[in-house]
Amino acid sequence: SEFASAAPRARMGTLPTAACVLGALLALAAYAAAVHALYAVSEVRELTPAQLGVACFYALVLAAWAGVEAGFLTDKLSPKYTALELTESDAEEQTKFADAASGTDYDAKPVPETA
């Protein structure tokens, strides 16, 4: 499509991905506990396959939603690191360090030529 190349795509980092998985697992555990508690106090003891299927489908939807929300929240609250703009003195220092590594010393006094 025409919008596909308009914005570059970036993957979420490791921390938001981990938060997504953890959020989904916690949501599944909470949902399973709630369904188990409701089943324990219910008078109905026989469930149809359709009821079980809908309960499982809802668990998957709830887990996916909670996981993605946790991942997006973690990504939103994570600090964004950007490169600092170099000043002239920073650029000179980098040049000196690079020259020192290569063996060139610009601060040394010139040796007079003897003829």
PDB file of N, CA and C in Angstrom:
ATOM      1  N   SER A   1       0.839  -1.187   0.000  1.00  0.00           N
ATOM      2  CA  SER A   1       0.000   0.000   0.000  1.00  0.00           C
ATOM      3  C   SER A   1       0.876   1.240   0.000  1.00  0.00           C
ATOM      4  N   GLU A   2       0.267   2.369  -0.202  1.00  0.00           N
ATOM      5  CA  GLU A   2       1.017   3.615  -0.290  1.00  0.00           C
ATOM      6  C   GLU A   2       1.531   4.067   1.072  1.00  0.00           C
ATOM      7  N   PHE A   3       0.911   3.625   2.170  1.00  0.00           N
ATOM      8  CA  PHE A   3       1.335   4.032   3.498  1.00  0.00           C
ATOM      9  C   PHE A   3       2.401   3.109   4.078  1.00  0.00           C
ATOM     10  N   ALA A   4       2.652   1.991   3.454  1.00  0.00           N
ATOM     11  CA  ALA A   4       3.596   1.014   3.986  1.00  0.00           C
ATOM     12  C   ALA A   4       5.011   1.574   4.048  1.00  0.00           C
ATOM     13  N   SER A   5       5.395   2.359   3.063  1.00  0.00           N
ATOM     14  CA  SER A   5       6.750   2.889   3.055  1.00  0.00           C
ATOM     15  C   SER A   5       6.839   4.263   3.713  1.00  0.00           C
ATOM     16  N   ALA A   6       5.725   4.817   4.176  1.00  0.00           N
ATOM     17  CA  ALA A   6       5.729   6.159   4.742  1.00  0.00           C
ATOM     18  C   ALA A   6       6.404   6.198   6.107  1.00  0.00           C
ATOM     19  N   ALA A   7       6.179   5.212   6.949  1.00  0.00           N
ATOM     20  CA  ALA A   7       6.748   5.220   8.289  1.00  0.00           C
ATOM     21  C   ALA A   7       7.592   3.966   8.495  1.00  0.00           C
ATOM     22  N   PRO A   8       8.798   4.144   9.014  1.00  0.00           N
ATOM     23  CA  PRO A   8       9.616   2.957   9.275  1.00  0.00           C
ATOM     24  C   PRO A   8       9.045   2.157  10.443  1.00  0.00           C
ATOM     25  N   ARG A   9       9.144   0.846  10.352  1.00  0.00           N
ATOM     26  CA  ARG A   9       8.631  -0.004  11.414  1.00  0.00           C
ATOM     27  C   ARG A   9       9.764  -0.355  12.357  1.00  0.00           C
ATOM     28  N   ALA A  10       9.455  -0.356  13.626  1.00  0.00           N
ATOM     29  CA  ALA A  10      10.450  -0.723  14.633  1.00  0.00           C
ATOM     30  C   ALA A  10       9.852  -1.777  15.543  1.00  0.00           C
ATOM     31  N   ARG A  11      10.677  -2.742  15.915  1.00  0.00           N
ATOM     32  CA  ARG A  11      10.216  -3.777  16.830  1.00  0.00           C
ATOM     33  C   ARG A  11      10.314  -3.273  18.254  1.00  0.00           C
ATOM     34  N   MET A  12       9.456  -3.826  19.103  1.00  0.00           N
ATOM     35  CA  MET A  12       9.557  -3.484  20.509  1.00  0.00           C
ATOM     36  C   MET A  12      10.823  -4.115  21.069  1.00  0.00           C
ATOM     37  N   GLY A  13      11.349  -3.503  22.091  1.00  0.00           N
ATOM     38  CA  GLY A  13      12.563  -4.004  22.714  1.00  0.00           C
ATOM     39  C   GLY A  13      12.297  -5.245  23.557  1.00  0.00           C
ATOM     40  N   THR A  14      13.336  -5.681  24.224  1.00  0.00           N
ATOM     41  CA  THR A  14      13.250  -6.892  25.031  1.00  0.00           C
ATOM     42  C   THR A  14      12.356  -6.687  26.252  1.00  0.00           C
ATOM     43  N   LEU A  15      12.489  -5.553  26.911  1.00  0.00           N
ATOM     44  CA  LEU A  15      11.695  -5.307  28.117  1.00  0.00           C
ATOM     45  C   LEU A  15      10.197  -5.232  27.819  1.00  0.00           C
ATOM     46  N   PRO A  16       9.735  -4.473  26.816  1.00  0.00           N
ATOM     47  CA  PRO A  16       8.304  -4.489  26.519  1.00  0.00           C
ATOM     48  C   PRO A  16       7.789  -5.862  26.085  1.00  0.00           C
ATOM     49  N   THR A  17       8.621  -6.620  25.379  1.00  0.00           N
ATOM     50  CA  THR A  17       8.209  -7.963  24.969  1.00  0.00           C
ATOM     51  C   THR A  17       8.050  -8.867  26.188  1.00  0.00           C
ATOM     52  N   ALA A  18       8.984  -8.767  27.122  1.00  0.00           N
ATOM     53  CA  ALA A  18       8.887  -9.555  28.349  1.00  0.00           C
ATOM     54  C   ALA A  18       7.667  -9.136  29.169  1.00  0.00           C
ATOM     55  N   ALA A  19       7.390  -7.836  29.206  1.00  0.00           N
ATOM     56  CA  ALA A  19       6.208  -7.357  29.923  1.00  0.00           C
ATOM     57  C   ALA A  19       4.931  -7.860  29.261  1.00  0.00           C
ATOM     58  N   CYS A  20       4.938  -7.945  27.944  1.00  0.00           N
ATOM     59  CA  CYS A  20       3.780  -8.458  27.209  1.00  0.00           C
ATOM     60  C   CYS A  20       3.515  -9.914  27.571  1.00  0.00           C
ATOM     61  N   VAL A  21       4.551 -10.723  27.565  1.00  0.00           N
ATOM     62  CA  VAL A  21       4.394 -12.147  27.892  1.00  0.00           C
ATOM     63  C   VAL A  21       3.969 -12.312  29.344  1.00  0.00           C
ATOM     64  N   LEU A  22       4.608 -11.573  30.251  1.00  0.00           N
ATOM     65  CA  LEU A  22       4.274 -11.672  31.666  1.00  0.00           C
ATOM     66  C   LEU A  22       2.844 -11.198  31.926  1.00  0.00           C
ATOM     67  N   GLY A  23       2.443 -10.114  31.277  1.00  0.00           N
ATOM     68  CA  GLY A  23       1.068  -9.619  31.431  1.00  0.00           C
ATOM     69  C   GLY A  23       0.042 -10.628  30.946  1.00  0.00           C
ATOM     70  N   ALA A  24       0.338 -11.285  29.840  1.00  0.00           N
ATOM     71  CA  ALA A  24      -0.577 -12.297  29.314  1.00  0.00           C
ATOM     72  C   ALA A  24      -0.676 -13.489  30.256  1.00  0.00           C
ATOM     73  N   LEU A  25       0.450 -13.927  30.789  1.00  0.00           N
ATOM     74  CA  LEU A  25       0.430 -15.066  31.711  1.00  0.00           C
ATOM     75  C   LEU A  25      -0.292 -14.730  33.009  1.00  0.00           C
ATOM     76  N   LEU A  26      -0.073 -13.524  33.509  1.00  0.00           N
ATOM     77  CA  LEU A  26      -0.782 -13.112  34.728  1.00  0.00           C
ATOM     78  C   LEU A  26      -2.280 -12.991  34.483  1.00  0.00           C
ATOM     79  N   ALA A  27      -2.669 -12.488  33.329  1.00  0.00           N
ATOM     80  CA  ALA A  27      -4.090 -12.385  33.004  1.00  0.00           C
ATOM     81  C   ALA A  27      -4.722 -13.770  32.902  1.00  0.00           C
ATOM     82  N   LEU A  28      -4.000 -14.716  32.292  1.00  0.00           N
ATOM     83  CA  LEU A  28      -4.514 -16.088  32.209  1.00  0.00           C
ATOM     84  C   LEU A  28      -4.681 -16.700  33.597  1.00  0.00           C
ATOM     85  N   ALA A  29      -3.707 -16.472  34.474  1.00  0.00           N
ATOM     86  CA  ALA A  29      -3.787 -17.021  35.828  1.00  0.00           C
ATOM     87  C   ALA A  29      -4.956 -16.405  36.601  1.00  0.00           C
ATOM     88  N   ALA A  30      -5.126 -15.093  36.472  1.00  0.00           N
ATOM     89  CA  ALA A  30      -6.238 -14.426  37.163  1.00  0.00           C
ATOM     90  C   ALA A  30      -7.584 -14.889  36.616  1.00  0.00           C
ATOM     91  N   TYR A  31      -7.683 -15.049  35.308  1.00  0.00           N
ATOM     92  CA  TYR A  31      -8.933 -15.502  34.696  1.00  0.00           C
ATOM     93  C   TYR A  31      -9.252 -16.938  35.113  1.00  0.00           C
ATOM     94  N   ALA A  32      -8.232 -17.793  35.122  1.00  0.00           N
ATOM     95  CA  ALA A  32      -8.451 -19.188  35.531  1.00  0.00           C
ATOM     96  C   ALA A  32      -8.901 -19.251  36.989  1.00  0.00           C
ATOM     97  N   ALA A  33      -8.320 -18.428  37.842  1.00  0.00           N
ATOM     98  CA  ALA A  33      -8.720 -18.408  39.248  1.00  0.00           C
ATOM     99  C   ALA A  33     -10.158 -17.915  39.402  1.00  0.00           C
ATOM    100  N   ALA A  34     -10.516 -16.888  38.629  1.00  0.00           N
ATOM    101  CA  ALA A  34     -11.888 -16.362  38.707  1.00  0.00           C
ATOM    102  C   ALA A  34     -12.904 -17.378  38.203  1.00  0.00           C
ATOM    103  N   VAL A  35     -12.600 -18.041  37.101  1.00  0.00           N
ATOM    104  CA  VAL A  35     -13.526 -19.043  36.560  1.00  0.00           C
ATOM    105  C   VAL A  35     -13.638 -20.226  37.518  1.00  0.00           C
ATOM    106  N   HIS A  36     -12.517 -20.631  38.106  1.00  0.00           N
ATOM    107  CA  HIS A  36     -12.547 -21.736  39.066  1.00  0.00           C
ATOM    108  C   HIS A  36     -13.385 -21.370  40.293  1.00  0.00           C
ATOM    109  N   ALA A  37     -13.234 -20.148  40.795  1.00  0.00           N
ATOM    110  CA  ALA A  37     -14.019 -19.710  41.954  1.00  0.00           C
ATOM    111  C   ALA A  37     -15.506 -19.642  41.616  1.00  0.00           C
ATOM    112  N   LEU A  38     -15.825 -19.150  40.426  1.00  0.00           N
ATOM    113  CA  LEU A  38     -17.243 -19.084  40.028  1.00  0.00           C
ATOM    114  C   LEU A  38     -17.828 -20.486  39.849  1.00  0.00           C
ATOM    115  N   TYR A  39     -17.044 -21.394  39.303  1.00  0.00           N
ATOM    116  CA  TYR A  39     -17.523 -22.763  39.120  1.00  0.00           C
ATOM    117  C   TYR A  39     -17.724 -23.449  40.471  1.00  0.00           C
ATOM    118  N   ALA A  40     -16.887 -23.115  41.451  1.00  0.00           N
ATOM    119  CA  ALA A  40     -16.990 -23.736  42.775  1.00  0.00           C
ATOM    120  C   ALA A  40     -18.276 -23.350  43.487  1.00  0.00           C
ATOM    121  N   VAL A  41     -18.767 -22.137  43.265  1.00  0.00           N
ATOM    122  CA  VAL A  41     -19.993 -21.693  43.950  1.00  0.00           C
ATOM    123  C   VAL A  41     -21.234 -21.872  43.080  1.00  0.00           C
ATOM    124  N   SER A  42     -21.054 -22.319  41.849  1.00  0.00           N
ATOM    125  CA  SER A  42     -22.183 -22.486  40.940  1.00  0.00           C
ATOM    126  C   SER A  42     -22.964 -23.760  41.270  1.00  0.00           C
ATOM    127  N   GLU A  43     -24.264 -23.696  41.025  1.00  0.00           N
ATOM    128  CA  GLU A  43     -25.111 -24.870  41.215  1.00  0.00           C
ATOM    129  C   GLU A  43     -25.062 -25.788  39.996  1.00  0.00           C
ATOM    130  N   VAL A  44     -24.689 -25.242  38.856  1.00  0.00           N
ATOM    131  CA  VAL A  44     -24.622 -26.020  37.625  1.00  0.00           C
ATOM    132  C   VAL A  44     -23.266 -26.727  37.573  1.00  0.00           C
ATOM    133  N   ARG A  45     -23.276 -28.053  37.430  1.00  0.00           N
ATOM    134  CA  ARG A  45     -22.044 -28.819  37.413  1.00  0.00           C
ATOM    135  C   ARG A  45     -21.719 -29.380  36.035  1.00  0.00           C
ATOM    136  N   GLU A  46     -22.637 -29.317  35.104  1.00  0.00           N
ATOM    137  CA  GLU A  46     -22.384 -29.815  33.755  1.00  0.00           C
ATOM    138  C   GLU A  46     -22.323 -28.640  32.792  1.00  0.00           C
ATOM    139  N   LEU A  47     -21.211 -28.546  32.085  1.00  0.00           N
ATOM    140  CA  LEU A  47     -21.031 -27.471  31.103  1.00  0.00           C
ATOM    141  C   LEU A  47     -21.015 -28.080  29.714  1.00  0.00           C
ATOM    142  N   THR A  48     -21.596 -27.365  28.774  1.00  0.00           N
ATOM    143  CA  THR A  48     -21.617 -27.845  27.394  1.00  0.00           C
ATOM    144  C   THR A  48     -20.276 -27.530  26.735  1.00  0.00           C
ATOM    145  N   PRO A  49     -19.943 -28.238  25.664  1.00  0.00           N
ATOM    146  CA  PRO A  49     -18.704 -27.918  24.936  1.00  0.00           C
ATOM    147  C   PRO A  49     -18.685 -26.470  24.428  1.00  0.00           C
ATOM    148  N   ALA A  50     -19.839 -25.941  24.075  1.00  0.00           N
ATOM    149  CA  ALA A  50     -19.886 -24.553  23.606  1.00  0.00           C
ATOM    150  C   ALA A  50     -19.513 -23.594  24.729  1.00  0.00           C
ATOM    151  N   GLN A  51     -19.982 -23.849  25.933  1.00  0.00           N
ATOM    152  CA  GLN A  51     -19.641 -22.985  27.063  1.00  0.00           C
ATOM    153  C   GLN A  51     -18.144 -23.039  27.369  1.00  0.00           C
ATOM    154  N   LEU A  52     -17.589 -24.245  27.338  1.00  0.00           N
ATOM    155  CA  LEU A  52     -16.151 -24.382  27.574  1.00  0.00           C
ATOM    156  C   LEU A  52     -15.335 -23.714  26.471  1.00  0.00           C
ATOM    157  N   GLY A  53     -15.791 -23.849  25.230  1.00  0.00           N
ATOM    158  CA  GLY A  53     -15.094 -23.225  24.106  1.00  0.00           C
ATOM    159  C   GLY A  53     -15.096 -21.709  24.198  1.00  0.00           C
ATOM    160  N   VAL A  54     -16.250 -21.158  24.558  1.00  0.00           N
ATOM    161  CA  VAL A  54     -16.344 -19.698  24.688  1.00  0.00           C
ATOM    162  C   VAL A  54     -15.491 -19.221  25.861  1.00  0.00           C
ATOM    163  N   ALA A  55     -15.470 -19.961  26.951  1.00  0.00           N
ATOM    164  CA  ALA A  55     -14.649 -19.569  28.100  1.00  0.00           C
ATOM    165  C   ALA A  55     -13.159 -19.593  27.733  1.00  0.00           C
ATOM    166  N   CYS A  56     -12.732 -20.602  27.001  1.00  0.00           N
ATOM    167  CA  CYS A  56     -11.322 -20.670  26.564  1.00  0.00           C
ATOM    168  C   CYS A  56     -10.993 -19.568  25.570  1.00  0.00           C
ATOM    169  N   PHE A  57     -11.895 -19.311  24.631  1.00  0.00           N
ATOM    170  CA  PHE A  57     -11.670 -18.240  23.654  1.00  0.00           C
ATOM    171  C   PHE A  57     -11.573 -16.889  24.355  1.00  0.00           C
ATOM    172  N   TYR A  58     -12.453 -16.643  25.311  1.00  0.00           N
ATOM    173  CA  TYR A  58     -12.416 -15.382  26.045  1.00  0.00           C
ATOM    174  C   TYR A  58     -11.117 -15.268  26.842  1.00  0.00           C
ATOM    175  N   ALA A  59     -10.619 -16.386  27.381  1.00  0.00           N
ATOM    176  CA  ALA A  59      -9.354 -16.366  28.116  1.00  0.00           C
ATOM    177  C   ALA A  59      -8.208 -15.952  27.198  1.00  0.00           C
ATOM    178  N   LEU A  60      -8.195 -16.467  25.982  1.00  0.00           N
ATOM    179  CA  LEU A  60      -7.142 -16.102  25.028  1.00  0.00           C
ATOM    180  C   LEU A  60      -7.221 -14.630  24.633  1.00  0.00           C
ATOM    181  N   VAL A  61      -8.433 -14.146  24.407  1.00  0.00           N
ATOM    182  CA  VAL A  61      -8.606 -12.734  24.038  1.00  0.00           C
ATOM    183  C   VAL A  61      -8.177 -11.834  25.195  1.00  0.00           C
ATOM    184  N   LEU A  62      -8.591 -12.183  26.402  1.00  0.00           N
ATOM    185  CA  LEU A  62      -8.232 -11.394  27.575  1.00  0.00           C
ATOM    186  C   LEU A  62      -6.716 -11.391  27.788  1.00  0.00           C
ATOM    187  N   ALA A  63      -6.083 -12.538  27.629  1.00  0.00           N
ATOM    188  CA  ALA A  63      -4.628 -12.628  27.806  1.00  0.00           C
ATOM    189  C   ALA A  63      -3.893 -11.800  26.751  1.00  0.00           C
ATOM    190  N   ALA A  64      -4.345 -11.889  25.514  1.00  0.00           N
ATOM    191  CA  ALA A  64      -3.703 -11.106  24.448  1.00  0.00           C
ATOM    192  C   ALA A  64      -3.859  -9.613  24.710  1.00  0.00           C
ATOM    193  N   TRP A  65      -5.048  -9.195  25.097  1.00  0.00           N
ATOM    194  CA  TRP A  65      -5.295  -7.771  25.362  1.00  0.00           C
ATOM    195  C   TRP A  65      -4.441  -7.281  26.527  1.00  0.00           C
ATOM    196  N   ALA A  66      -4.436  -8.019  27.630  1.00  0.00           N
ATOM    197  CA  ALA A  66      -3.669  -7.594  28.803  1.00  0.00           C
ATOM    198  C   ALA A  66      -2.171  -7.583  28.500  1.00  0.00           C
ATOM    199  N   GLY A  67      -1.706  -8.566  27.765  1.00  0.00           N
ATOM    200  CA  GLY A  67      -0.288  -8.613  27.424  1.00  0.00           C
ATOM    201  C   GLY A  67       0.142  -7.455  26.555  1.00  0.00           C
ATOM    202  N   VAL A  68      -0.652  -7.151  25.545  1.00  0.00           N
ATOM    203  CA  VAL A  68      -0.304  -6.041  24.651  1.00  0.00           C
ATOM    204  C   VAL A  68      -0.376  -4.710  25.389  1.00  0.00           C
ATOM    205  N   GLU A  69      -1.369  -4.540  26.247  1.00  0.00           N
ATOM    206  CA  GLU A  69      -1.450  -3.305  27.040  1.00  0.00           C
ATOM    207  C   GLU A  69      -0.223  -3.155  27.934  1.00  0.00           C
ATOM    208  N   ALA A  70       0.203  -4.234  28.566  1.00  0.00           N
ATOM    209  CA  ALA A  70       1.388  -4.184  29.430  1.00  0.00           C
ATOM    210  C   ALA A  70       2.633  -3.854  28.616  1.00  0.00           C
ATOM    211  N   GLY A  71       2.761  -4.449  27.440  1.00  0.00           N
ATOM    212  CA  GLY A  71       3.912  -4.162  26.592  1.00  0.00           C
ATOM    213  C   GLY A  71       3.945  -2.721  26.119  1.00  0.00           C
ATOM    214  N   PHE A  72       2.800  -2.202  25.683  1.00  0.00           N
ATOM    215  CA  PHE A  72       2.749  -0.809  25.224  1.00  0.00           C
ATOM    216  C   PHE A  72       3.012   0.159  26.367  1.00  0.00           C
ATOM    217  N   LEU A  73       2.478  -0.149  27.558  1.00  0.00           N
ATOM    218  CA  LEU A  73       2.713   0.729  28.708  1.00  0.00           C
ATOM    219  C   LEU A  73       4.191   0.736  29.085  1.00  0.00           C
ATOM    220  N   THR A  74       4.806  -0.427  29.072  1.00  0.00           N
ATOM    221  CA  THR A  74       6.235  -0.504  29.380  1.00  0.00           C
ATOM    222  C   THR A  74       7.054   0.266  28.354  1.00  0.00           C
ATOM    223  N   ASP A  75       6.702   0.146  27.080  1.00  0.00           N
ATOM    224  CA  ASP A  75       7.420   0.879  26.038  1.00  0.00           C
ATOM    225  C   ASP A  75       7.222   2.379  26.194  1.00  0.00           C
ATOM    226  N   LYS A  76       6.022   2.782  26.552  1.00  0.00           N
ATOM    227  CA  LYS A  76       5.722   4.205  26.711  1.00  0.00           C
ATOM    228  C   LYS A  76       6.472   4.801  27.899  1.00  0.00           C
ATOM    229  N   LEU A  77       6.591   4.046  28.988  1.00  0.00           N
ATOM    230  CA  LEU A  77       7.229   4.563  30.191  1.00  0.00           C
ATOM    231  C   LEU A  77       8.741   4.390  30.197  1.00  0.00           C
ATOM    232  N   SER A  78       9.286   3.653  29.232  1.00  0.00           N
ATOM    233  CA  SER A  78      10.731   3.465  29.164  1.00  0.00           C
ATOM    234  C   SER A  78      11.394   4.742  28.677  1.00  0.00           C
ATOM    235  N   PRO A  79      12.533   5.101  29.271  1.00  0.00           N
ATOM    236  CA  PRO A  79      13.223   6.303  28.799  1.00  0.00           C
ATOM    237  C   PRO A  79      13.772   6.089  27.398  1.00  0.00           C
ATOM    238  N   LYS A  80      13.666   7.107  26.597  1.00  0.00           N
ATOM    239  CA  LYS A  80      14.178   7.052  25.222  1.00  0.00           C
ATOM    240  C   LYS A  80      15.541   7.736  25.191  1.00  0.00           C
ATOM    241  N   TYR A  81      16.515   6.998  24.727  1.00  0.00           N
ATOM    242  CA  TYR A  81      17.870   7.538  24.662  1.00  0.00           C
ATOM    243  C   TYR A  81      18.142   8.022  23.251  1.00  0.00           C
ATOM    244  N   THR A  82      18.634   9.256  23.155  1.00  0.00           N
ATOM    245  CA  THR A  82      18.979   9.822  21.863  1.00  0.00           C
ATOM    246  C   THR A  82      20.442  10.270  21.903  1.00  0.00           C
ATOM    247  N   ALA A  83      21.025  10.356  20.766  1.00  0.00           N
ATOM    248  CA  ALA A  83      22.414  10.788  20.679  1.00  0.00           C
ATOM    249  C   ALA A  83      22.508  12.276  21.007  1.00  0.00           C
ATOM    250  N   LEU A  84      23.553  12.631  21.713  1.00  0.00           N
ATOM    251  CA  LEU A  84      23.779  14.038  22.036  1.00  0.00           C
ATOM    252  C   LEU A  84      24.473  14.719  20.873  1.00  0.00           C
ATOM    253  N   GLU A  85      24.169  15.980  20.695  1.00  0.00           N
ATOM    254  CA  GLU A  85      24.802  16.732  19.630  1.00  0.00           C
ATOM    255  C   GLU A  85      26.224  17.096  20.050  1.00  0.00           C
ATOM    256  N   LEU A  86      27.168  16.862  19.179  1.00  0.00           N
ATOM    257  CA  LEU A  86      28.568  17.158  19.493  1.00  0.00           C
ATOM    258  C   LEU A  86      28.856  18.639  19.297  1.00  0.00           C
ATOM    259  N   THR A  87      29.602  19.206  20.231  1.00  0.00           N
ATOM    260  CA  THR A  87      30.060  20.587  20.076  1.00  0.00           C
ATOM    261  C   THR A  87      31.436  20.555  19.427  1.00  0.00           C
ATOM    262  N   GLU A  88      31.968  21.720  19.125  1.00  0.00           N
ATOM    263  CA  GLU A  88      33.281  21.775  18.487  1.00  0.00           C
ATOM    264  C   GLU A  88      34.366  21.211  19.391  1.00  0.00           C
ATOM    265  N   SER A  89      34.287  21.512  20.699  1.00  0.00           N
ATOM    266  CA  SER A  89      35.317  21.006  21.613  1.00  0.00           C
ATOM    267  C   SER A  89      35.233  19.487  21.727  1.00  0.00           C
ATOM    268  N   ASP A  90      34.009  18.924  21.682  1.00  0.00           N
ATOM    269  CA  ASP A  90      33.868  17.467  21.705  1.00  0.00           C
ATOM    270  C   ASP A  90      34.484  16.850  20.453  1.00  0.00           C
ATOM    271  N   ALA A  91      34.260  17.481  19.315  1.00  0.00           N
ATOM    272  CA  ALA A  91      34.817  16.973  18.062  1.00  0.00           C
ATOM    273  C   ALA A  91      36.344  17.035  18.089  1.00  0.00           C
ATOM    274  N   GLU A  92      36.918  18.120  18.672  1.00  0.00           N
ATOM    275  CA  GLU A  92      38.373  18.220  18.779  1.00  0.00           C
ATOM    276  C   GLU A  92      38.928  17.127  19.690  1.00  0.00           C
ATOM    277  N   GLU A  93      38.229  16.859  20.807  1.00  0.00           N
ATOM    278  CA  GLU A  93      38.696  15.812  21.716  1.00  0.00           C
ATOM    279  C   GLU A  93      38.658  14.452  21.039  1.00  0.00           C
ATOM    280  N   GLN A  94      37.612  14.198  20.278  1.00  0.00           N
ATOM    281  CA  GLN A  94      37.531  12.920  19.574  1.00  0.00           C
ATOM    282  C   GLN A  94      38.656  12.795  18.558  1.00  0.00           C
ATOM    283  N   THR A  95      39.003  13.898  17.903  1.00  0.00           N
ATOM    284  CA  THR A  95      40.105  13.883  16.936  1.00  0.00           C
ATOM    285  C   THR A  95      41.424  13.594  17.650  1.00  0.00           C
ATOM    286  N   LYS A  96      41.615  14.214  18.833  1.00  0.00           N
ATOM    287  CA  LYS A  96      42.844  13.976  19.592  1.00  0.00           C
ATOM    288  C   LYS A  96      42.936  12.517  20.032  1.00  0.00           C
ATOM    289  N   PHE A  97      41.827  11.965  20.503  1.00  0.00           N
ATOM    290  CA  PHE A  97      41.844  10.559  20.924  1.00  0.00           C
ATOM    291  C   PHE A  97      42.136   9.637  19.742  1.00  0.00           C
ATOM    292  N   ALA A  98      41.550   9.937  18.607  1.00  0.00           N
ATOM    293  CA  ALA A  98      41.798   9.109  17.421  1.00  0.00           C
ATOM    294  C   ALA A  98      43.248   9.243  16.974  1.00  0.00           C
ATOM    295  N   ASP A  99      43.778  10.461  17.036  1.00  0.00           N
ATOM    296  CA  ASP A  99      45.168  10.666  16.645  1.00  0.00           C
ATOM    297  C   ASP A  99      46.124  10.004  17.630  1.00  0.00           C
ATOM    298  N   ALA A 100      45.797  10.044  18.915  1.00  0.00           N
ATOM    299  CA  ALA A 100      46.636   9.398  19.932  1.00  0.00           C
ATOM    300  C   ALA A 100      46.671   7.896  19.702  1.00  0.00           C
ATOM    301  N   ALA A 101      45.554   7.359  19.297  1.00  0.00           N
ATOM    302  CA  ALA A 101      45.508   5.924  19.028  1.00  0.00           C
ATOM    303  C   ALA A 101      46.326   5.571  17.790  1.00  0.00           C
ATOM    304  N   SER A 102      46.408   6.522  16.846  1.00  0.00           N
ATOM    305  CA  SER A 102      47.162   6.241  15.623  1.00  0.00           C
ATOM    306  C   SER A 102      48.629   6.641  15.740  1.00  0.00           C
ATOM    307  N   GLY A 103      48.996   7.320  16.858  1.00  0.00           N
ATOM    308  CA  GLY A 103      50.395   7.684  17.066  1.00  0.00           C
ATOM    309  C   GLY A 103      50.720   9.108  16.677  1.00  0.00           C
ATOM    310  N   THR A 104      49.775   9.869  16.178  1.00  0.00           N
ATOM    311  CA  THR A 104      50.021  11.254  15.785  1.00  0.00           C
ATOM    312  C   THR A 104      49.794  12.149  16.993  1.00  0.00           C
ATOM    313  N   ASP A 105      50.718  13.066  17.253  1.00  0.00           N
ATOM    314  CA  ASP A 105      50.583  13.981  18.382  1.00  0.00           C
ATOM    315  C   ASP A 105      50.619  15.402  17.858  1.00  0.00           C
ATOM    316  N   TYR A 106      49.460  16.049  17.838  1.00  0.00           N
ATOM    317  CA  TYR A 106      49.375  17.405  17.308  1.00  0.00           C
ATOM    318  C   TYR A 106      49.769  18.450  18.347  1.00  0.00           C
ATOM    319  N   ASP A 107      49.815  18.083  19.615  1.00  0.00           N
ATOM    320  CA  ASP A 107      50.195  19.036  20.635  1.00  0.00           C
ATOM    321  C   ASP A 107      51.714  19.161  20.808  1.00  0.00           C
ATOM    322  N   ALA A 108      52.442  18.257  20.204  1.00  0.00           N
ATOM    323  CA  ALA A 108      53.904  18.291  20.313  1.00  0.00           C
ATOM    324  C   ALA A 108      54.443  19.493  19.534  1.00  0.00           C
ATOM    325  N   LYS A 109      55.532  20.052  20.049  1.00  0.00           N
ATOM    326  CA  LYS A 109      56.135  21.194  19.380  1.00  0.00           C
ATOM    327  C   LYS A 109      56.874  20.709  18.137  1.00  0.00           C
ATOM    328  N   PRO A 110      56.801  21.503  17.082  1.00  0.00           N
ATOM    329  CA  PRO A 110      57.493  21.079  15.859  1.00  0.00           C
ATOM    330  C   PRO A 110      59.006  21.071  16.043  1.00  0.00           C
ATOM    331  N   VAL A 111      59.615  20.119  15.461  1.00  0.00           N
ATOM    332  CA  VAL A 111      61.076  19.994  15.524  1.00  0.00           C
ATOM    333  C   VAL A 111      61.654  20.864  14.395  1.00  0.00           C
ATOM    334  N   PRO A 112      62.556  21.788  14.749  1.00  0.00           N
ATOM    335  CA  PRO A 112      63.127  22.631  13.680  1.00  0.00           C
ATOM    336  C   PRO A 112      64.009  21.809  12.761  1.00  0.00           C
ATOM    337  N   GLU A 113      63.928  22.176  11.491  1.00  0.00           N
ATOM    338  CA  GLU A 113      64.727  21.459  10.491  1.00  0.00           C
ATOM    339  C   GLU A 113      66.138  22.010  10.492  1.00  0.00           C
ATOM    340  N   THR A 114      67.073  21.151  10.431  1.00  0.00           N
ATOM    341  CA  THR A 114      68.477  21.586  10.360  1.00  0.00           C
ATOM    342  C   THR A 114      68.975  21.397   8.932  1.00  0.00           C
ATOM    343  N   ALA A 115      69.626  22.400   8.430  1.00  0.00           N
ATOM    344  CA  ALA A 115      70.096  22.309   7.045  1.00  0.00           C
ATOM    345  C   ALA A 115      71.561  22.171   6.910  1.00  0.00           C
TER     346      ALA A 115
END
